[in-house]
Amino acid sequence: MSRLSGELAVAVCRTLPLGLVGAAGATGLLMAALTRATGEAGEWVALPLLRAAILAFAMGLVFLLDDPARHTTSTVPTPRPVRTGLRAALLLPVVAAWWTVALLLVPKDIRPPVADITLEAGSAFALAVTAAVVAVRRTDLTRPGARVASGLLTSAVLALLFWPGRWALFVPVQDDRWAAAHDRWAVVLTGAVLVGVLGAREPVRRWSWRGGPGRRSYS
């Protein structure tokens, strides 16, 4: 059993989009590093830059489930939730390492509260992976990541521009709504995880991007 598990982990690891995740991660770290070159304005721009870094890395995570061979592996005995969970588990140490480096790149005296900004990062990463899970469940696309990334970026911009102030999520540290905003981030994280877990189940019927029911599938 352990041998089979190891072989499965190796096979899944080979299909991970490490290049895309690496490129997104490098972009995010560059944004975090810019906080060291902001001078007196650092206190005001550190949080927006760190949030931009989080978004950049999340844009790479949406490609987690891209797999050109997904239709040929749909008949393997390993259930899809296990394959999806294994992909996420293999990438989790990379995400943790990236976030640690991103935090350390921000000077300590202007670094936002670590626990709260980590909650924001975890929510964004969970939303990215959940969006990928839903795209795989609802479509036959082998590489839905590009469309999901576009949707994620559009949603982030719209949220910044039009999100109701009474439910604010993106607030500065000095704002009186900071604590309440992070209570909402906790709800977002919980909801993203629940939807992701439910979405990872084997679908009974898939819908195409054009609308209407598709063929019965277990990919």
Protein backbone atom coordinates (compact mmCIF):
# COMPACT_ATOMS: atom_id res chain seq x y z
CA MET A 1 0.00 0.00 0.00
CA SER A 2 2.76 2.46 0.92
CA ARG A 3 4.56 1.65 -2.32
CA LEU A 4 1.44 2.34 -4.35
CA SER A 5 0.91 5.60 -2.45
CA GLY A 6 4.47 6.63 -3.17
CA GLU A 7 4.11 5.85 -6.86
CA LEU A 8 0.88 7.84 -6.99
CA ALA A 9 2.53 10.81 -5.28
CA VAL A 10 5.41 10.75 -7.77
CA ALA A 11 3.02 10.53 -10.72
CA VAL A 12 0.91 13.42 -9.44
CA CYS A 13 3.98 15.51 -8.63
CA ARG A 14 5.12 15.24 -12.25
CA THR A 15 1.87 16.82 -13.43
CA LEU A 16 1.93 19.79 -11.05
CA PRO A 17 2.21 23.17 -12.85
CA LEU A 18 5.35 24.11 -10.94
CA GLY A 19 6.55 26.47 -13.66
CA LEU A 20 3.40 28.60 -13.53
CA VAL A 21 3.29 28.53 -9.76
CA GLY A 22 6.97 29.47 -9.63
CA ALA A 23 6.49 32.41 -12.00
CA ALA A 24 3.51 33.67 -10.00
CA GLY A 25 5.44 33.21 -6.77
CA ALA A 26 8.45 35.14 -8.09
CA THR A 27 6.18 38.01 -9.13
CA GLY A 28 4.59 38.05 -5.71
CA LEU A 29 7.94 38.06 -3.91
CA LEU A 30 9.11 40.96 -6.07
CA MET A 31 6.06 42.94 -4.96
CA ALA A 32 6.72 42.08 -1.32
CA ALA A 33 10.37 43.10 -1.72
CA LEU A 34 9.31 46.52 -3.03
CA THR A 35 8.25 47.40 0.52
CA ARG A 36 11.95 47.78 1.32
CA ALA A 37 12.33 50.55 -1.27
CA THR A 38 9.37 52.71 -0.36
CA GLY A 39 11.10 54.97 2.14
CA GLU A 40 8.85 57.06 4.35
CA ALA A 41 5.77 55.86 2.47
CA GLY A 42 6.47 52.27 3.47
CA GLU A 43 3.96 52.24 6.31
CA TRP A 44 1.15 53.13 3.90
CA VAL A 45 2.08 50.96 0.91
CA ALA A 46 3.33 47.83 2.69
CA LEU A 47 -0.16 46.36 3.13
CA PRO A 48 -1.33 47.05 -0.47
CA LEU A 49 1.91 45.62 -1.84
CA LEU A 50 1.61 42.51 0.31
CA ARG A 51 -1.98 42.06 -0.78
CA ALA A 52 -0.88 42.41 -4.40
CA ALA A 53 1.74 39.73 -3.75
CA ILE A 54 -0.94 37.43 -2.34
CA LEU A 55 -3.10 37.96 -5.43
CA ALA A 56 -0.15 37.31 -7.75
CA PHE A 57 0.62 33.99 -6.08
CA ALA A 58 -3.06 33.03 -6.01
CA MET A 59 -3.12 33.57 -9.77
CA GLY A 60 -0.59 30.77 -10.03
CA LEU A 61 -2.51 28.42 -7.74
CA VAL A 62 -5.56 28.42 -10.01
CA PHE A 63 -3.53 26.25 -12.40
CA LEU A 64 -3.18 23.53 -9.74
CA LEU A 65 -5.61 21.14 -11.43
CA ASP A 66 -4.60 21.77 -15.03
CA ASP A 67 -3.83 18.36 -16.49
CA PRO A 68 -3.69 17.65 -20.25
CA ALA A 69 -4.16 13.95 -19.47
CA ARG A 70 -7.17 14.32 -17.19
CA HIS A 71 -9.51 12.45 -19.57
CA THR A 72 -7.14 9.50 -19.84
CA THR A 73 -6.72 9.29 -16.06
CA SER A 74 -10.44 9.54 -15.31
CA THR A 75 -10.77 5.77 -15.30
CA VAL A 76 -8.01 5.07 -12.79
CA PRO A 77 -9.17 3.38 -9.56
CA THR A 78 -7.97 6.25 -7.35
CA PRO A 79 -10.99 8.53 -6.67
CA ARG A 80 -10.81 12.06 -7.97
CA PRO A 81 -11.07 13.62 -4.47
CA VAL A 82 -7.92 11.70 -3.50
CA ARG A 83 -6.05 12.88 -6.59
CA THR A 84 -7.17 16.46 -6.01
CA GLY A 85 -6.27 16.34 -2.32
CA LEU A 86 -2.87 14.88 -3.12
CA ARG A 87 -2.13 17.71 -5.54
CA ALA A 88 -3.04 20.26 -2.89
CA ALA A 89 -1.04 18.45 -0.20
CA LEU A 90 2.09 18.28 -2.38
CA LEU A 91 1.90 22.00 -3.05
CA LEU A 92 1.14 22.99 0.55
CA PRO A 93 4.82 23.09 1.69
CA VAL A 94 5.62 25.31 -1.30
CA VAL A 95 2.82 27.68 -0.33
CA ALA A 96 3.95 27.77 3.30
CA ALA A 97 7.57 28.46 2.32
CA TRP A 98 6.54 31.17 -0.13
CA TRP A 99 4.39 32.94 2.44
CA THR A 100 7.17 32.82 5.04
CA VAL A 101 9.61 34.43 2.62
CA ALA A 102 7.04 37.04 1.56
CA LEU A 103 6.49 38.07 5.19
CA LEU A 104 10.20 38.25 5.90
CA LEU A 105 10.73 40.50 2.89
CA VAL A 106 8.52 43.14 4.51
CA PRO A 107 10.46 45.12 7.14
CA LYS A 108 9.28 44.24 10.62
CA ASP A 109 8.42 47.83 11.58
CA ILE A 110 5.91 48.18 8.72
CA ARG A 111 4.73 44.56 8.52
CA PRO A 112 0.94 44.17 8.98
CA PRO A 113 -0.29 41.99 11.88
CA VAL A 114 0.99 38.56 10.86
CA ALA A 115 -1.97 36.49 12.02
CA ASP A 116 -4.52 38.72 10.27
CA ILE A 117 -2.68 39.07 6.98
CA THR A 118 -2.00 35.33 7.02
CA LEU A 119 -5.76 34.80 7.30
CA GLU A 120 -6.21 36.99 4.22
CA ALA A 121 -3.55 35.01 2.35
CA GLY A 122 -5.04 31.67 3.34
CA SER A 123 -8.49 32.80 2.21
CA ALA A 124 -7.18 33.99 -1.16
CA PHE A 125 -5.24 30.77 -1.74
CA ALA A 126 -8.23 28.65 -0.72
CA LEU A 127 -10.48 30.62 -3.07
CA ALA A 128 -8.02 30.11 -5.93
CA VAL A 129 -7.86 26.34 -5.44
CA THR A 130 -11.62 26.11 -4.94
CA ALA A 131 -12.20 28.00 -8.18
CA ALA A 132 -9.99 25.46 -9.95
CA VAL A 133 -11.89 22.57 -8.34
CA VAL A 134 -15.23 23.99 -9.45
CA ALA A 135 -13.94 24.59 -12.99
CA VAL A 136 -12.74 21.00 -13.28
CA ARG A 137 -16.01 19.66 -11.89
CA ARG A 138 -18.23 21.77 -14.13
CA THR A 139 -16.33 21.61 -17.43
CA ASP A 140 -14.46 19.19 -19.64
CA LEU A 141 -11.50 21.55 -20.06
CA THR A 142 -8.12 19.97 -19.42
CA ARG A 143 -6.54 23.35 -18.69
CA PRO A 144 -9.13 25.66 -17.16
CA GLY A 145 -6.51 27.64 -15.24
CA ALA A 146 -6.27 30.57 -17.68
CA ARG A 147 -10.02 31.20 -17.58
CA VAL A 148 -10.13 30.80 -13.82
CA ALA A 149 -7.21 33.22 -13.40
CA SER A 150 -9.00 35.79 -15.54
CA GLY A 151 -12.14 35.39 -13.46
CA LEU A 152 -10.20 35.63 -10.20
CA LEU A 153 -8.44 38.83 -11.26
CA THR A 154 -11.70 40.39 -12.45
CA SER A 155 -13.43 39.44 -9.21
CA ALA A 156 -10.63 40.96 -7.13
CA VAL A 157 -10.81 44.26 -9.03
CA LEU A 158 -14.60 44.41 -8.77
CA ALA A 159 -14.43 43.63 -5.05
CA LEU A 160 -11.99 46.49 -4.51
CA LEU A 161 -14.18 48.91 -6.46
CA PHE A 162 -17.70 47.92 -5.48
CA TRP A 163 -17.64 45.83 -2.31
CA PRO A 164 -20.09 47.35 0.22
CA GLY A 165 -18.32 49.34 2.92
CA ARG A 166 -20.40 47.81 5.70
CA TRP A 167 -18.94 44.41 4.77
CA ALA A 168 -15.45 45.68 4.09
CA LEU A 169 -12.65 43.15 3.62
CA PHE A 170 -9.77 45.28 2.33
CA VAL A 171 -9.20 47.85 5.06
CA PRO A 172 -6.01 49.51 6.33
CA VAL A 173 -4.51 48.45 9.63
CA GLN A 174 -5.48 51.72 11.30
CA ASP A 175 -9.13 51.34 10.31
CA ASP A 176 -11.60 50.66 13.12
CA ARG A 177 -13.12 47.92 10.93
CA TRP A 178 -9.89 45.87 10.86
CA ALA A 179 -11.02 43.27 13.42
CA ALA A 180 -14.51 42.95 11.92
CA ALA A 181 -13.04 42.61 8.43
CA HIS A 182 -10.96 39.66 9.55
CA ASP A 183 -13.97 38.00 11.10
CA ARG A 184 -15.38 38.14 7.57
CA TRP A 185 -12.14 36.77 6.15
CA ALA A 186 -12.54 33.79 8.47
CA VAL A 187 -16.02 33.21 7.03
CA VAL A 188 -14.60 33.47 3.50
CA LEU A 189 -11.92 30.91 4.32
CA THR A 190 -14.41 28.49 5.86
CA GLY A 191 -16.78 28.83 2.92
CA ALA A 192 -13.99 28.34 0.37
CA VAL A 193 -12.78 25.18 2.08
CA LEU A 194 -16.30 23.73 2.31
CA VAL A 195 -17.07 24.46 -1.34
CA GLY A 196 -13.71 23.04 -2.36
CA VAL A 197 -14.27 19.81 -0.45
CA LEU A 198 -17.77 19.38 -1.83
CA GLY A 199 -16.65 20.30 -5.33
CA ALA A 200 -13.90 17.69 -5.30
CA ARG A 201 -16.44 14.86 -5.24
CA GLU A 202 -17.04 12.80 -8.36
CA PRO A 203 -19.57 14.70 -10.52
CA VAL A 204 -22.75 13.00 -11.64
CA ARG A 205 -23.26 15.33 -14.59
CA ARG A 206 -21.05 18.11 -15.92
CA TRP A 207 -22.16 21.36 -17.53
CA SER A 208 -20.22 22.88 -20.40
CA TRP A 209 -19.10 26.51 -20.63
CA ARG A 210 -21.78 26.99 -23.29
CA GLY A 211 -24.52 25.90 -20.91
CA GLY A 212 -26.65 22.82 -20.79
CA PRO A 213 -25.93 19.38 -19.39
CA GLY A 214 -22.96 17.49 -20.68
CA ARG A 215 -22.19 13.84 -20.77
CA ARG A 216 -21.91 11.73 -17.63
CA SER A 217 -18.32 11.85 -16.49
CA TYR A 218 -16.05 10.81 -13.62
CA SER A 219 -12.93 12.79 -14.51
